[in-house]
Structure formats: structure tokens, C-alpha cells
């Protein structure tokens, strides 16, 4: 395939993958250090196994304006303490760039926030399209405990990923499973941008 020619691919929903991809990212529990509120539950789980939480299948394109990077996100079912499995979450390095997610399978939510303090949580289910505007950090959370959450994503080629800000400050809201219900609570470990984690 030439880089300047049209191409197609298939989403293999039952296999939770793409028919063609250039990069496969596997994120395990150890890569989410400091992101789960229940540190004791995190440590106990990690001591047993470095569980795979989510995977990303990327179709490589030039990382320049005008191109659209895209791929498939697969968040596996499970919990760390009361918190569902989730992605690291990120801002875009070029803050003024957006992203689109199309939910194909499973159910979940997207947790989002801006540097200015706005936040939002939107539900994801098959057929739902989510538009994440510029300036909004975003994290996918699988609220099903029996099937993966599959979303197809598209974003500008020059966006980049800023994981470090979220690793340092966390997200304002946590998504928990309590008495078989999904609830949203304030993150007790969240800290304002640039402040780092509270002691």
C-alpha cells in the first residue's frame, strides 16, 4: 500500500482487533501506577499478576496536519478494588485538537476534563459516537464486567499524546462499581494542574 492511496480495513469485533494495523500497544496493570485510588487493591492485584487492562491497534499515518490517525481501543473487563479497568487517559500535546470515538461493542464511559476545570462523563454503547473537543483530556472506562469495550478512534495527525499531565494529577472524577451500580465520585488524589499529587 502506498501512503498516498486510499485503503480499507475491517474491524473484527468478535476478535477485538483490526484486519490490518501497524502498531499494537498492550497496557498492563504496572503501567497504571498511581492511577487507581485503592493502592492496597492495586498492590495486591499486581503481586498476583501484571494483568492486561487494555490494548490499542494503530494504523500508522504521517504525524502531520491534514492526516488522520486512527485505530481500535480495547478495554478489557475487570476492576481494581471498586474501580473499573480504564485507559491511562491523555491530553493532546497540541491542545487545540479534537478526537472522535465510535463505540462498537460493550459499554462504558469517557471521563473528560479541561485544564480550566470543566469536566464531563459521557456513556458509551454500540452505535454511539462521541466527539471530544479540543482542550479536553479523555479516558475510556469499561463499565461492563463481562465483555470488552471496543471503540474506533480518529484524531488529527499532529495531535500527539500528553500522558504525563494525567499521570501527575489524575482525573477529577473516578468511576466505581458499588453494589452492582456505576457511580461517579470526586478523586481524593486529584491535584490541580502543575501541583502534582497531594500528600
N, C-alpha and C. Protein backbone atom coordinates (compact mmCIF):
# COMPACT_ATOMS: atom_id res chain seq x y z
N UNK A 1 0.84 -1.20 0.00
CA UNK A 1 0.00 0.00 0.00
C UNK A 1 0.87 1.24 0.00
N UNK A 2 0.62 2.14 -0.93
CA UNK A 2 1.33 3.40 -0.98
C UNK A 2 0.70 4.38 0.01
N UNK A 3 1.50 5.26 0.65
CA UNK A 3 0.97 6.14 1.69
C UNK A 3 -0.02 7.18 1.18
N UNK A 4 -0.03 7.45 -0.13
CA UNK A 4 -0.93 8.48 -0.65
C UNK A 4 -2.10 7.88 -1.42
N UNK A 5 -2.38 6.60 -1.21
CA UNK A 5 -3.50 5.95 -1.87
C UNK A 5 -4.58 5.57 -0.86
N UNK A 6 -5.87 5.58 -1.27
CA UNK A 6 -6.94 5.14 -0.36
C UNK A 6 -6.74 3.68 0.05
N UNK A 7 -7.28 3.32 1.20
CA UNK A 7 -7.20 1.93 1.66
C UNK A 7 -8.40 1.64 2.55
N UNK A 8 -8.64 0.37 2.77
CA UNK A 8 -9.72 -0.06 3.65
C UNK A 8 -9.18 -1.02 4.69
N UNK A 9 -9.97 -1.21 5.75
CA UNK A 9 -9.66 -2.23 6.76
C UNK A 9 -10.97 -2.67 7.37
N UNK A 10 -10.93 -3.78 8.09
CA UNK A 10 -12.11 -4.31 8.73
C UNK A 10 -11.92 -4.29 10.25
N UNK A 11 -12.99 -3.97 10.97
CA UNK A 11 -12.99 -4.12 12.42
C UNK A 11 -13.52 -5.52 12.72
N UNK A 12 -12.69 -6.34 13.32
CA UNK A 12 -13.08 -7.71 13.66
C UNK A 12 -13.57 -7.72 15.10
N UNK A 13 -14.87 -7.43 15.27
CA UNK A 13 -15.41 -7.20 16.60
C UNK A 13 -15.32 -8.43 17.50
N UNK A 14 -15.62 -9.59 16.96
CA UNK A 14 -15.60 -10.79 17.80
C UNK A 14 -14.20 -11.13 18.26
N UNK A 15 -13.20 -10.75 17.48
CA UNK A 15 -11.81 -10.99 17.84
C UNK A 15 -11.16 -9.79 18.51
N UNK A 16 -11.88 -8.68 18.58
CA UNK A 16 -11.40 -7.45 19.21
C UNK A 16 -10.07 -7.00 18.61
N UNK A 17 -10.03 -6.89 17.28
CA UNK A 17 -8.83 -6.44 16.60
C UNK A 17 -9.21 -5.84 15.25
N UNK A 18 -8.20 -5.41 14.49
CA UNK A 18 -8.38 -4.89 13.13
C UNK A 18 -7.79 -5.89 12.15
N UNK A 19 -8.31 -5.87 10.92
CA UNK A 19 -7.79 -6.78 9.90
C UNK A 19 -6.38 -6.40 9.49
N UNK A 20 -6.03 -5.13 9.67
CA UNK A 20 -4.65 -4.71 9.43
C UNK A 20 -4.33 -3.55 10.37
N UNK A 21 -3.13 -3.55 10.89
CA UNK A 21 -2.67 -2.48 11.77
C UNK A 21 -1.16 -2.46 11.73
N UNK A 22 -0.60 -1.34 12.17
CA UNK A 22 0.85 -1.16 12.13
C UNK A 22 1.50 -1.21 13.50
N UNK A 23 0.71 -1.01 14.53
CA UNK A 23 1.28 -0.98 15.88
C UNK A 23 0.26 -1.52 16.87
N UNK A 24 0.71 -2.37 17.78
CA UNK A 24 -0.16 -2.96 18.79
C UNK A 24 0.41 -2.60 20.16
N UNK A 25 -0.32 -1.78 20.91
CA UNK A 25 0.09 -1.35 22.25
C UNK A 25 -0.66 -2.19 23.28
N UNK A 26 0.07 -2.73 24.24
CA UNK A 26 -0.52 -3.51 25.33
C UNK A 26 -0.19 -2.81 26.64
N UNK A 27 -1.22 -2.37 27.38
CA UNK A 27 -1.02 -1.70 28.67
C UNK A 27 -1.43 -2.65 29.79
N UNK A 28 -0.51 -2.90 30.69
CA UNK A 28 -0.77 -3.78 31.82
C UNK A 28 -0.93 -2.97 33.10
N UNK A 29 -1.28 -3.66 34.16
CA UNK A 29 -1.53 -3.01 35.44
C UNK A 29 -0.34 -2.18 35.90
N UNK A 30 0.87 -2.68 35.68
CA UNK A 30 2.07 -1.97 36.14
C UNK A 30 2.24 -0.61 35.47
N UNK A 31 1.65 -0.43 34.29
CA UNK A 31 1.77 0.85 33.58
C UNK A 31 0.81 1.89 34.14
N UNK A 32 -0.06 1.48 35.08
CA UNK A 32 -1.06 2.39 35.64
C UNK A 32 -0.76 2.74 37.09
N UNK A 33 0.49 2.70 37.46
CA UNK A 33 0.89 3.02 38.83
C UNK A 33 0.42 4.43 39.20
N UNK A 34 -0.24 4.54 40.36
CA UNK A 34 -0.70 5.83 40.85
C UNK A 34 -2.03 6.30 40.30
N UNK A 35 -2.62 5.52 39.37
CA UNK A 35 -3.87 5.95 38.74
C UNK A 35 -5.12 5.40 39.41
N UNK A 36 -4.96 4.32 40.19
CA UNK A 36 -6.10 3.75 40.91
C UNK A 36 -6.08 4.23 42.36
N UNK A 37 -7.24 4.60 42.86
CA UNK A 37 -7.33 5.21 44.20
C UNK A 37 -7.01 4.22 45.32
N UNK A 38 -7.40 2.95 45.13
CA UNK A 38 -7.19 1.94 46.16
C UNK A 38 -5.81 1.32 45.97
N UNK A 39 -4.80 1.91 46.60
CA UNK A 39 -3.43 1.46 46.41
C UNK A 39 -3.22 0.04 46.91
N UNK A 40 -3.89 -0.31 48.01
CA UNK A 40 -3.74 -1.66 48.56
C UNK A 40 -4.28 -2.70 47.58
N UNK A 41 -5.43 -2.42 46.98
CA UNK A 41 -6.01 -3.34 46.00
C UNK A 41 -5.11 -3.45 44.77
N UNK A 42 -4.56 -2.31 44.36
CA UNK A 42 -3.64 -2.30 43.22
C UNK A 42 -2.41 -3.16 43.51
N UNK A 43 -1.80 -2.96 44.66
CA UNK A 43 -0.59 -3.71 45.02
C UNK A 43 -0.87 -5.21 45.11
N UNK A 44 -2.01 -5.57 45.71
CA UNK A 44 -2.35 -6.98 45.87
C UNK A 44 -2.58 -7.64 44.51
N UNK A 45 -3.26 -6.93 43.63
CA UNK A 45 -3.52 -7.48 42.30
C UNK A 45 -2.23 -7.62 41.49
N UNK A 46 -1.38 -6.60 41.57
CA UNK A 46 -0.12 -6.62 40.84
C UNK A 46 0.80 -7.73 41.34
N UNK A 47 0.73 -8.02 42.64
CA UNK A 47 1.55 -9.09 43.22
C UNK A 47 1.17 -10.46 42.65
N UNK A 48 -0.09 -10.60 42.27
CA UNK A 48 -0.56 -11.87 41.71
C UNK A 48 -0.24 -11.98 40.23
N UNK A 49 -0.48 -10.88 39.48
CA UNK A 49 -0.28 -10.92 38.03
C UNK A 49 -0.31 -9.50 37.46
N UNK A 50 0.53 -9.27 36.47
CA UNK A 50 0.54 -7.98 35.78
C UNK A 50 -0.51 -8.03 34.66
N UNK A 51 -1.77 -7.92 35.05
CA UNK A 51 -2.91 -8.13 34.17
C UNK A 51 -2.94 -7.12 33.02
N UNK A 52 -3.34 -7.58 31.84
CA UNK A 52 -3.55 -6.68 30.70
C UNK A 52 -4.87 -5.94 30.90
N UNK A 53 -4.82 -4.61 30.95
CA UNK A 53 -6.01 -3.80 31.14
C UNK A 53 -6.63 -3.36 29.81
N UNK A 54 -5.76 -2.95 28.88
CA UNK A 54 -6.29 -2.53 27.59
C UNK A 54 -5.24 -2.64 26.50
N UNK A 55 -5.72 -2.62 25.26
CA UNK A 55 -4.86 -2.72 24.08
C UNK A 55 -5.31 -1.68 23.06
N UNK A 56 -4.36 -1.26 22.24
CA UNK A 56 -4.66 -0.31 21.17
C UNK A 56 -4.02 -0.83 19.88
N UNK A 57 -4.83 -0.86 18.82
CA UNK A 57 -4.34 -1.23 17.50
C UNK A 57 -4.33 0.03 16.65
N UNK A 58 -3.15 0.44 16.21
CA UNK A 58 -3.00 1.70 15.49
C UNK A 58 -2.67 1.48 14.01
N UNK A 59 -3.28 2.31 13.17
CA UNK A 59 -2.92 2.38 11.77
C UNK A 59 -2.02 3.61 11.62
N UNK A 60 -0.78 3.38 11.27
CA UNK A 60 0.19 4.47 11.19
C UNK A 60 -0.08 5.37 9.98
N UNK A 61 -0.01 6.66 10.24
CA UNK A 61 -0.05 7.67 9.21
C UNK A 61 0.98 8.73 9.58
N UNK A 62 1.41 9.56 8.62
CA UNK A 62 2.34 10.63 8.96
C UNK A 62 1.74 11.55 10.03
N UNK A 63 2.52 11.91 11.03
CA UNK A 63 2.02 12.73 12.13
C UNK A 63 2.14 14.21 11.79
N UNK A 64 1.33 14.61 10.80
CA UNK A 64 1.35 15.98 10.28
C UNK A 64 -0.07 16.48 10.11
N UNK A 65 -0.28 17.80 10.11
CA UNK A 65 -1.62 18.34 9.85
C UNK A 65 -2.16 17.82 8.52
N UNK A 66 -3.44 17.56 8.48
CA UNK A 66 -4.07 17.05 7.27
C UNK A 66 -4.28 15.56 7.28
N UNK A 67 -3.44 14.83 8.03
CA UNK A 67 -3.61 13.39 8.17
C UNK A 67 -4.55 13.08 9.33
N UNK A 68 -5.14 11.88 9.30
CA UNK A 68 -5.99 11.41 10.38
C UNK A 68 -5.45 10.09 10.91
N UNK A 69 -5.00 10.10 12.14
CA UNK A 69 -4.56 8.86 12.78
C UNK A 69 -5.80 8.16 13.32
N UNK A 70 -5.78 6.83 13.28
CA UNK A 70 -6.97 6.09 13.70
C UNK A 70 -6.60 4.68 14.14
N UNK A 71 -7.56 4.04 14.80
CA UNK A 71 -7.32 2.69 15.27
C UNK A 71 -8.43 2.21 16.18
N UNK A 72 -8.15 1.13 16.90
CA UNK A 72 -9.14 0.49 17.76
C UNK A 72 -8.61 0.41 19.18
N UNK A 73 -9.44 0.85 20.13
CA UNK A 73 -9.12 0.74 21.56
C UNK A 73 -9.95 -0.41 22.14
N UNK A 74 -9.30 -1.28 22.91
CA UNK A 74 -9.96 -2.42 23.53
C UNK A 74 -9.68 -2.38 25.03
N UNK A 75 -10.67 -2.01 25.84
CA UNK A 75 -10.51 -2.01 27.29
C UNK A 75 -11.17 -3.29 27.82
N UNK A 76 -10.37 -4.12 28.47
CA UNK A 76 -10.87 -5.40 28.95
C UNK A 76 -11.74 -5.23 30.19
N UNK A 77 -12.60 -6.20 30.49
CA UNK A 77 -13.44 -6.11 31.68
C UNK A 77 -12.66 -6.46 32.94
N UNK A 78 -13.01 -5.80 34.04
CA UNK A 78 -12.37 -6.09 35.32
C UNK A 78 -12.35 -4.87 36.22
N UNK A 79 -11.86 -5.07 37.44
CA UNK A 79 -11.81 -4.00 38.42
C UNK A 79 -10.51 -4.08 39.22
N UNK A 80 -10.09 -2.92 39.70
CA UNK A 80 -9.02 -2.81 40.70
C UNK A 80 -9.70 -2.20 41.92
N UNK A 81 -9.94 -3.01 42.94
CA UNK A 81 -10.78 -2.55 44.04
C UNK A 81 -12.18 -2.32 43.49
N UNK A 82 -12.72 -1.12 43.69
CA UNK A 82 -14.04 -0.78 43.16
C UNK A 82 -13.98 -0.10 41.80
N UNK A 83 -12.76 0.20 41.31
CA UNK A 83 -12.62 0.94 40.05
C UNK A 83 -12.52 0.00 38.86
N UNK A 84 -13.28 0.33 37.83
CA UNK A 84 -13.24 -0.46 36.61
C UNK A 84 -11.89 -0.31 35.90
N UNK A 85 -11.57 -1.29 35.06
CA UNK A 85 -10.41 -1.16 34.19
C UNK A 85 -10.62 0.05 33.28
N UNK A 86 -9.52 0.76 33.01
CA UNK A 86 -9.59 2.02 32.25
C UNK A 86 -8.28 2.25 31.52
N UNK A 87 -8.29 3.22 30.61
CA UNK A 87 -7.06 3.60 29.92
C UNK A 87 -6.31 4.64 30.75
N UNK A 88 -5.07 4.88 30.37
CA UNK A 88 -4.28 5.92 31.06
C UNK A 88 -4.95 7.28 30.96
N UNK A 89 -5.46 7.57 29.79
CA UNK A 89 -6.04 8.88 29.56
C UNK A 89 -4.96 9.89 29.20
N UNK A 90 -5.34 10.90 28.44
CA UNK A 90 -4.34 11.87 27.98
C UNK A 90 -4.99 13.16 27.51
N UNK A 91 -4.20 14.21 27.56
CA UNK A 91 -4.45 15.41 26.78
C UNK A 91 -3.76 15.20 25.43
N UNK A 92 -4.07 16.01 24.46
CA UNK A 92 -3.27 16.03 23.24
C UNK A 92 -2.13 17.03 23.44
N UNK A 93 -0.97 16.69 22.90
CA UNK A 93 0.18 17.59 23.01
C UNK A 93 -0.15 18.93 22.36
N UNK A 94 -0.79 18.88 21.19
CA UNK A 94 -1.36 20.08 20.58
C UNK A 94 -2.76 20.20 21.16
N UNK A 95 -2.90 21.02 22.19
CA UNK A 95 -4.12 21.05 22.99
C UNK A 95 -5.37 21.36 22.17
N UNK A 96 -5.21 22.16 21.13
CA UNK A 96 -6.36 22.59 20.32
C UNK A 96 -6.68 21.58 19.22
N UNK A 97 -6.64 20.29 19.52
CA UNK A 97 -7.03 19.25 18.57
C UNK A 97 -8.06 18.35 19.23
N UNK A 98 -8.99 17.85 18.42
CA UNK A 98 -10.12 17.06 18.91
C UNK A 98 -9.92 15.59 18.59
N UNK A 99 -10.91 14.76 18.99
CA UNK A 99 -10.89 13.33 18.69
C UNK A 99 -12.32 12.81 18.63
N UNK A 100 -12.54 11.82 17.78
CA UNK A 100 -13.84 11.18 17.66
C UNK A 100 -13.72 9.71 18.04
N UNK A 101 -14.67 9.23 18.83
CA UNK A 101 -14.74 7.81 19.22
C UNK A 101 -16.08 7.25 18.77
N UNK A 102 -16.05 6.06 18.18
CA UNK A 102 -17.27 5.36 17.78
C UNK A 102 -17.30 4.03 18.52
N UNK A 103 -18.28 3.85 19.40
CA UNK A 103 -18.36 2.64 20.19
C UNK A 103 -18.96 1.51 19.35
N UNK A 104 -18.26 0.39 19.34
CA UNK A 104 -18.66 -0.75 18.52
C UNK A 104 -19.19 -1.92 19.34
N UNK A 105 -18.69 -2.05 20.56
CA UNK A 105 -19.06 -3.23 21.38
C UNK A 105 -18.87 -2.90 22.85
N UNK A 106 -19.70 -3.50 23.69
CA UNK A 106 -19.57 -3.32 25.13
C UNK A 106 -20.25 -2.04 25.60
N UNK A 107 -19.94 -1.68 26.84
CA UNK A 107 -20.47 -0.43 27.38
C UNK A 107 -19.43 0.16 28.32
N UNK A 108 -19.49 1.47 28.42
CA UNK A 108 -18.51 2.15 29.26
C UNK A 108 -18.81 3.63 29.31
N UNK A 109 -17.82 4.39 29.75
CA UNK A 109 -17.94 5.84 29.77
C UNK A 109 -16.61 6.46 29.35
N UNK A 110 -16.69 7.71 28.91
CA UNK A 110 -15.50 8.50 28.67
C UNK A 110 -15.47 9.60 29.72
N UNK A 111 -14.40 9.63 30.50
CA UNK A 111 -14.19 10.66 31.51
C UNK A 111 -13.35 11.76 30.88
N UNK A 112 -13.79 13.01 31.01
CA UNK A 112 -13.12 14.11 30.32
C UNK A 112 -12.99 15.32 31.23
N UNK A 113 -11.96 16.12 30.98
CA UNK A 113 -11.80 17.38 31.72
C UNK A 113 -10.89 18.31 30.97
N UNK A 114 -10.99 19.61 31.30
CA UNK A 114 -10.15 20.63 30.67
C UNK A 114 -9.17 21.20 31.69
N UNK A 115 -8.11 21.84 31.22
CA UNK A 115 -7.19 22.50 32.16
C UNK A 115 -7.87 23.60 32.97
N UNK A 116 -8.97 24.13 32.43
CA UNK A 116 -9.67 25.24 33.09
C UNK A 116 -10.61 24.76 34.21
N UNK A 117 -10.84 23.46 34.31
CA UNK A 117 -11.66 22.95 35.41
C UNK A 117 -12.99 22.35 35.01
N UNK A 118 -13.38 22.44 33.74
CA UNK A 118 -14.62 21.80 33.30
C UNK A 118 -14.42 20.28 33.27
N UNK A 119 -15.48 19.53 33.52
CA UNK A 119 -15.40 18.08 33.40
C UNK A 119 -16.71 17.53 32.86
N UNK A 120 -16.66 16.33 32.30
CA UNK A 120 -17.84 15.68 31.74
C UNK A 120 -17.61 14.18 31.71
N UNK A 121 -18.69 13.43 31.81
CA UNK A 121 -18.65 11.98 31.65
C UNK A 121 -19.78 11.61 30.70
N UNK A 122 -19.44 10.92 29.61
CA UNK A 122 -20.44 10.51 28.63
C UNK A 122 -20.45 8.98 28.51
N UNK A 123 -21.65 8.42 28.43
CA UNK A 123 -21.79 6.98 28.29
C UNK A 123 -21.45 6.53 26.88
N UNK A 124 -20.90 5.30 26.79
CA UNK A 124 -20.57 4.69 25.52
C UNK A 124 -21.32 3.37 25.40
N UNK A 125 -21.96 3.15 24.26
CA UNK A 125 -22.60 1.87 23.96
C UNK A 125 -22.60 1.71 22.45
N UNK A 126 -22.81 0.50 21.94
CA UNK A 126 -22.70 0.27 20.49
C UNK A 126 -23.56 1.24 19.68
N UNK A 127 -22.92 1.86 18.69
CA UNK A 127 -23.60 2.81 17.82
C UNK A 127 -23.45 4.26 18.25
N UNK A 128 -22.94 4.50 19.45
CA UNK A 128 -22.80 5.88 19.94
C UNK A 128 -21.48 6.48 19.48
N UNK A 129 -21.55 7.69 18.95
CA UNK A 129 -20.37 8.44 18.53
C UNK A 129 -20.13 9.55 19.54
N UNK A 130 -18.90 9.66 20.01
CA UNK A 130 -18.53 10.70 20.97
C UNK A 130 -17.52 11.64 20.34
N UNK A 131 -17.81 12.93 20.39
CA UNK A 131 -16.88 13.96 19.94
C UNK A 131 -16.20 14.57 21.16
N UNK A 132 -14.88 14.45 21.23
CA UNK A 132 -14.10 15.06 22.31
C UNK A 132 -13.50 16.35 21.75
N UNK A 133 -13.96 17.52 22.22
CA UNK A 133 -13.47 18.78 21.66
C UNK A 133 -12.00 19.05 21.99
N UNK A 134 -11.41 20.02 21.32
CA UNK A 134 -10.07 20.45 21.70
C UNK A 134 -10.02 20.84 23.17
N UNK A 135 -8.88 20.63 23.80
CA UNK A 135 -8.57 21.01 25.18
C UNK A 135 -9.07 20.01 26.22
N UNK A 136 -9.78 18.96 25.80
CA UNK A 136 -10.34 18.02 26.76
C UNK A 136 -9.49 16.75 26.86
N UNK A 137 -8.95 16.50 28.06
CA UNK A 137 -8.32 15.21 28.33
C UNK A 137 -9.41 14.15 28.34
N UNK A 138 -9.07 12.90 28.02
CA UNK A 138 -10.09 11.87 27.96
C UNK A 138 -9.52 10.50 28.34
N UNK A 139 -10.38 9.72 28.99
CA UNK A 139 -10.03 8.38 29.48
C UNK A 139 -11.23 7.46 29.26
N UNK A 140 -11.00 6.30 28.64
CA UNK A 140 -12.05 5.31 28.44
C UNK A 140 -12.12 4.37 29.64
N UNK A 141 -13.34 4.08 30.09
CA UNK A 141 -13.57 3.20 31.23
C UNK A 141 -14.56 2.13 30.81
N UNK A 142 -14.23 0.86 31.03
CA UNK A 142 -15.13 -0.24 30.70
C UNK A 142 -16.01 -0.55 31.92
N UNK A 143 -17.30 -0.22 31.84
CA UNK A 143 -18.20 -0.43 32.97
C UNK A 143 -18.93 -1.78 32.89
N UNK A 144 -18.56 -2.60 31.91
CA UNK A 144 -19.08 -3.96 31.83
C UNK A 144 -18.06 -4.89 32.47
N UNK A 145 -18.52 -5.88 33.20
CA UNK A 145 -17.60 -6.83 33.83
C UNK A 145 -17.54 -8.16 33.08
N UNK A 146 -18.20 -8.21 31.90
CA UNK A 146 -18.21 -9.47 31.18
C UNK A 146 -17.87 -9.38 29.70
N UNK A 147 -17.56 -8.17 29.19
CA UNK A 147 -17.12 -8.08 27.81
C UNK A 147 -16.25 -6.85 27.61
N UNK A 148 -15.40 -6.87 26.59
CA UNK A 148 -14.52 -5.73 26.34
C UNK A 148 -15.28 -4.53 25.80
N UNK A 149 -14.71 -3.36 25.99
CA UNK A 149 -15.22 -2.12 25.41
C UNK A 149 -14.38 -1.81 24.18
N UNK A 150 -15.02 -1.80 23.02
CA UNK A 150 -14.33 -1.53 21.76
C UNK A 150 -14.77 -0.17 21.22
N UNK A 151 -13.81 0.69 20.97
CA UNK A 151 -14.09 1.98 20.34
C UNK A 151 -13.11 2.22 19.20
N UNK A 152 -13.62 2.71 18.09
CA UNK A 152 -12.79 3.12 16.96
C UNK A 152 -12.56 4.61 17.09
N UNK A 153 -11.32 5.04 17.01
CA UNK A 153 -10.98 6.45 17.23
C UNK A 153 -10.30 7.06 16.01
N UNK A 154 -10.47 8.38 15.88
CA UNK A 154 -9.84 9.15 14.80
C UNK A 154 -9.44 10.51 15.36
N UNK A 155 -8.21 10.94 15.08
CA UNK A 155 -7.75 12.24 15.55
C UNK A 155 -6.71 12.81 14.59
N UNK A 156 -6.49 14.13 14.61
CA UNK A 156 -5.55 14.76 13.67
C UNK A 156 -4.12 14.22 13.81
N UNK A 157 -3.46 14.13 12.69
CA UNK A 157 -2.12 13.55 12.66
C UNK A 157 -1.09 14.25 13.51
N UNK A 158 -1.28 15.54 13.76
CA UNK A 158 -0.28 16.30 14.52
C UNK A 158 -0.64 16.44 15.99
N UNK A 159 -1.67 15.73 16.48
CA UNK A 159 -2.16 15.93 17.85
C UNK A 159 -1.14 15.61 18.92
N UNK A 160 -0.52 14.44 18.82
CA UNK A 160 0.39 13.98 19.86
C UNK A 160 -0.36 13.57 21.12
N UNK A 161 0.33 12.94 22.06
CA UNK A 161 -0.27 12.49 23.31
C UNK A 161 0.53 12.99 24.51
N UNK A 162 -0.16 13.61 25.43
CA UNK A 162 0.43 14.05 26.70
C UNK A 162 -0.14 13.18 27.81
N UNK A 163 0.58 12.10 28.14
CA UNK A 163 0.17 11.23 29.24
C UNK A 163 0.68 11.74 30.59
N UNK A 164 1.77 12.48 30.56
CA UNK A 164 2.44 12.91 31.78
C UNK A 164 1.58 13.76 32.70
N UNK A 165 0.79 14.66 32.14
CA UNK A 165 -0.05 15.53 32.96
C UNK A 165 -1.04 14.71 33.77
N UNK A 166 -1.68 13.72 33.12
CA UNK A 166 -2.65 12.88 33.83
C UNK A 166 -1.93 11.98 34.84
N UNK A 167 -0.77 11.46 34.49
CA UNK A 167 -0.02 10.63 35.45
C UNK A 167 0.29 11.42 36.71
N UNK A 168 0.53 12.71 36.56
CA UNK A 168 0.89 13.56 37.69
C UNK A 168 -0.32 13.99 38.51
N UNK A 169 -1.40 14.40 37.84
CA UNK A 169 -2.52 14.99 38.57
C UNK A 169 -3.75 14.09 38.66
N UNK A 170 -3.84 13.05 37.81
CA UNK A 170 -5.03 12.21 37.79
C UNK A 170 -6.20 12.91 37.12
N UNK A 171 -7.35 12.25 37.11
CA UNK A 171 -8.59 12.85 36.65
C UNK A 171 -9.42 13.28 37.85
N UNK A 172 -10.25 14.29 37.67
CA UNK A 172 -11.07 14.81 38.77
C UNK A 172 -12.08 13.80 39.28
N UNK A 173 -12.57 12.94 38.39
CA UNK A 173 -13.63 12.01 38.74
C UNK A 173 -13.17 10.55 38.60
N UNK A 174 -13.64 9.71 39.52
CA UNK A 174 -13.41 8.28 39.47
C UNK A 174 -14.72 7.59 39.11
N UNK A 175 -14.60 6.46 38.41
CA UNK A 175 -15.77 5.67 38.03
C UNK A 175 -15.68 4.34 38.78
N UNK A 176 -16.65 4.11 39.67
CA UNK A 176 -16.62 2.95 40.55
C UNK A 176 -17.82 2.05 40.35
N UNK A 177 -17.65 0.79 40.75
CA UNK A 177 -18.74 -0.17 40.80
C UNK A 177 -19.05 -0.43 42.27
N UNK A 178 -20.24 0.00 42.69
CA UNK A 178 -20.66 -0.20 44.08
C UNK A 178 -22.08 -0.78 44.09
N UNK A 179 -22.21 -1.95 44.72
CA UNK A 179 -23.49 -2.66 44.78
C UNK A 179 -24.06 -2.85 43.37
N UNK A 180 -23.18 -3.25 42.46
CA UNK A 180 -23.54 -3.53 41.07
C UNK A 180 -24.04 -2.30 40.31
N UNK A 181 -23.76 -1.12 40.83
CA UNK A 181 -24.12 0.12 40.16
C UNK A 181 -22.87 0.93 39.83
N UNK A 182 -22.90 1.63 38.70
CA UNK A 182 -21.79 2.51 38.33
C UNK A 182 -22.02 3.87 38.96
N UNK A 183 -21.04 4.34 39.71
CA UNK A 183 -21.16 5.64 40.37
C UNK A 183 -19.92 6.47 40.05
N UNK A 184 -20.09 7.80 40.09
CA UNK A 184 -19.00 8.74 39.86
C UNK A 184 -18.74 9.50 41.15
N UNK A 185 -17.47 9.57 41.54
CA UNK A 185 -17.12 10.30 42.76
C UNK A 185 -15.93 11.20 42.48
N UNK A 186 -15.72 12.18 43.36
CA UNK A 186 -14.53 13.01 43.27
C UNK A 186 -13.29 12.16 43.57
N UNK A 187 -12.22 12.43 42.86
CA UNK A 187 -10.97 11.72 43.08
C UNK A 187 -10.23 12.37 44.25
N UNK A 188 -10.08 11.66 45.37
CA UNK A 188 -9.41 12.27 46.53
C UNK A 188 -7.93 12.57 46.29
N UNK A 189 -7.35 11.94 45.27
CA UNK A 189 -5.93 12.15 44.97
C UNK A 189 -5.69 13.15 43.85
N UNK A 190 -6.79 13.71 43.31
CA UNK A 190 -6.61 14.67 42.21
C UNK A 190 -5.93 15.93 42.72
N UNK A 191 -5.07 16.48 41.90
CA UNK A 191 -4.41 17.75 42.27
C UNK A 191 -4.50 18.69 41.07
N UNK A 192 -4.61 19.99 41.34
CA UNK A 192 -4.71 20.97 40.24
C UNK A 192 -3.51 20.87 39.31
N UNK A 193 -3.69 21.28 38.05
CA UNK A 193 -2.58 21.22 37.08
C UNK A 193 -1.33 21.90 37.62
N UNK A 194 -0.22 21.17 37.45
CA UNK A 194 1.07 21.72 37.87
C UNK A 194 1.40 21.54 39.33
N UNK A 195 0.47 20.98 40.12
CA UNK A 195 0.70 20.85 41.55
C UNK A 195 1.20 19.47 41.97
N UNK A 196 1.00 18.44 41.10
CA UNK A 196 1.38 17.10 41.49
C UNK A 196 0.39 16.51 42.45
N UNK A 197 0.58 15.26 42.85
CA UNK A 197 -0.33 14.60 43.77
C UNK A 197 -0.26 15.24 45.15
N UNK A 198 -1.43 15.33 45.79
CA UNK A 198 -1.47 15.80 47.18
C UNK A 198 -0.88 14.74 48.09
N UNK A 199 -0.28 15.16 49.18
CA UNK A 199 0.30 14.20 50.12
C UNK A 199 -0.78 13.51 50.93
